[in-house]
Each structure stands twice: as C-alpha cells, then as structure tokens.
Amino acid sequence: MKSAASLLIERAHQVREAAGPVPSPCVSVCRMDAASGLCEGCLRTLDEIAAWSRLADDGKRQVWDQLERRALLLDTHQAKA
C-alpha cells in the first residue's frame, strides 16, 4: 500500500503534466500538525489553504511544487523509520 506522501507526489506529477484548471490538493483530512504547521492530509500551510481560491493557476502550480518537495522529504523520512 502506498503512503499518503507517495500518493501526493503522484498527484503533483499529474498536475504538472495536465492542462486546464489546477485541482485542489485537499483530500478531506483537515488536521493541522502542530509541530510542522502543515495539514496532515495535503501538506499545505494555513496560509496556502486560505489563499488557494484566490490564486491563479500559476500560483496553484507553485503550491503543488512545494507540496511535492514536502512529500518527498516526508516519504524519505518515513522510509528511514
């Protein structure tokens, strides 16, 4: 079974390759991790979540790029544990 981070990485690749509107990374697991300040479901910060609906597609793709980097770090950390 794939980790949540691995699935997020796959979605980030799909978003990068797709044309058209950029989908939200939300997976309806909306809990903020106090230590990291990131949503446990989508790895966004509160600022990124709040700004999402106002961002142009380029800005949304930048958020997805950040999410992919965060997911890669998380996936690497989990593999070492």
Protein backbone atom coordinates (compact mmCIF):
# COMPACT_ATOMS: atom_id res chain seq x y z
CA MET A 1 0.00 0.00 0.00
CA LYS A 2 1.33 3.44 -0.95
CA SER A 3 1.90 6.11 1.65
CA ALA A 4 -0.07 9.35 1.64
CA ALA A 5 3.14 11.17 0.69
CA SER A 6 3.67 8.87 -2.32
CA LEU A 7 0.12 9.48 -3.49
CA LEU A 8 0.59 13.23 -3.16
CA ILE A 9 3.79 13.01 -5.22
CA GLU A 10 1.90 11.15 -7.97
CA ARG A 11 -0.86 13.77 -7.95
CA ALA A 12 1.75 16.55 -8.20
CA HIS A 13 3.19 14.88 -11.32
CA GLN A 14 -0.30 14.64 -12.84
CA VAL A 15 -0.99 18.31 -12.13
CA ARG A 16 2.32 19.34 -13.71
CA GLU A 17 1.53 17.43 -16.91
CA ALA A 18 -2.16 18.38 -17.21
CA ALA A 19 -3.57 21.40 -18.95
CA GLY A 20 -6.57 23.28 -17.67
CA PRO A 21 -7.71 24.24 -14.20
CA VAL A 22 -5.45 23.17 -11.32
CA PRO A 23 -7.23 20.88 -8.82
CA SER A 24 -7.10 21.42 -5.09
CA PRO A 25 -4.73 19.12 -3.21
CA CYS A 26 -7.31 18.72 -0.43
CA VAL A 27 -8.07 15.08 0.44
CA SER A 28 -10.61 15.89 3.20
CA VAL A 29 -8.22 15.05 6.02
CA CYS A 30 -8.13 18.52 7.53
CA ARG A 31 -5.96 18.37 10.63
CA MET A 32 -3.06 20.71 11.23
CA ASP A 33 0.11 19.20 12.67
CA ALA A 34 1.22 21.48 15.50
CA ALA A 35 4.91 20.65 15.08
CA SER A 36 5.17 21.24 11.33
CA GLY A 37 2.32 23.69 10.77
CA LEU A 38 1.17 21.57 7.82
CA CYS A 39 -2.16 19.93 7.11
CA GLU A 40 -1.80 16.19 7.69
CA GLY A 41 -3.86 15.45 4.57
CA CYS A 42 -2.47 17.76 1.89
CA LEU A 43 0.72 19.16 3.48
CA ARG A 44 -0.34 22.78 2.89
CA THR A 45 0.17 25.58 5.39
CA LEU A 46 -2.79 27.54 6.71
CA ASP A 47 -1.73 30.48 4.52
CA GLU A 48 -1.68 28.25 1.42
CA ILE A 49 -5.10 26.82 2.28
CA ALA A 50 -6.59 30.27 2.87
CA ALA A 51 -5.13 31.73 -0.35
CA TRP A 52 -5.98 28.78 -2.63
CA SER A 53 -9.27 30.11 -4.03
CA ARG A 54 -7.67 33.47 -4.89
CA LEU A 55 -4.58 32.06 -6.61
CA ALA A 56 -4.22 31.99 -10.37
CA ASP A 57 -3.31 28.62 -11.89
CA ASP A 58 0.41 29.54 -11.92
CA GLY A 59 0.26 30.20 -8.18
CA LYS A 60 -1.58 26.93 -7.60
CA ARG A 61 1.08 25.07 -9.55
CA GLN A 62 3.74 26.69 -7.36
CA VAL A 63 1.91 25.39 -4.29
CA TRP A 64 1.81 21.91 -5.86
CA ASP A 65 5.59 22.16 -6.45
CA GLN A 66 6.06 22.93 -2.74
CA LEU A 67 3.78 20.04 -1.79
CA GLU A 68 5.79 17.65 -3.92
CA ARG A 69 9.02 18.73 -2.19
CA ARG A 70 7.42 18.34 1.24
CA ALA A 71 6.00 14.93 0.32
CA LEU A 72 9.39 13.75 -0.96
CA LEU A 73 11.01 14.75 2.34
CA LEU A 74 8.24 13.04 4.31
CA ASP A 75 8.40 9.91 2.16
CA THR A 76 12.20 9.71 2.60
CA HIS A 77 11.88 10.24 6.36
CA GLN A 78 9.18 7.55 6.65
CA ALA A 79 11.27 5.08 4.63
CA LYS A 80 14.17 5.53 7.07
CA ALA A 81 11.95 4.97 10.12
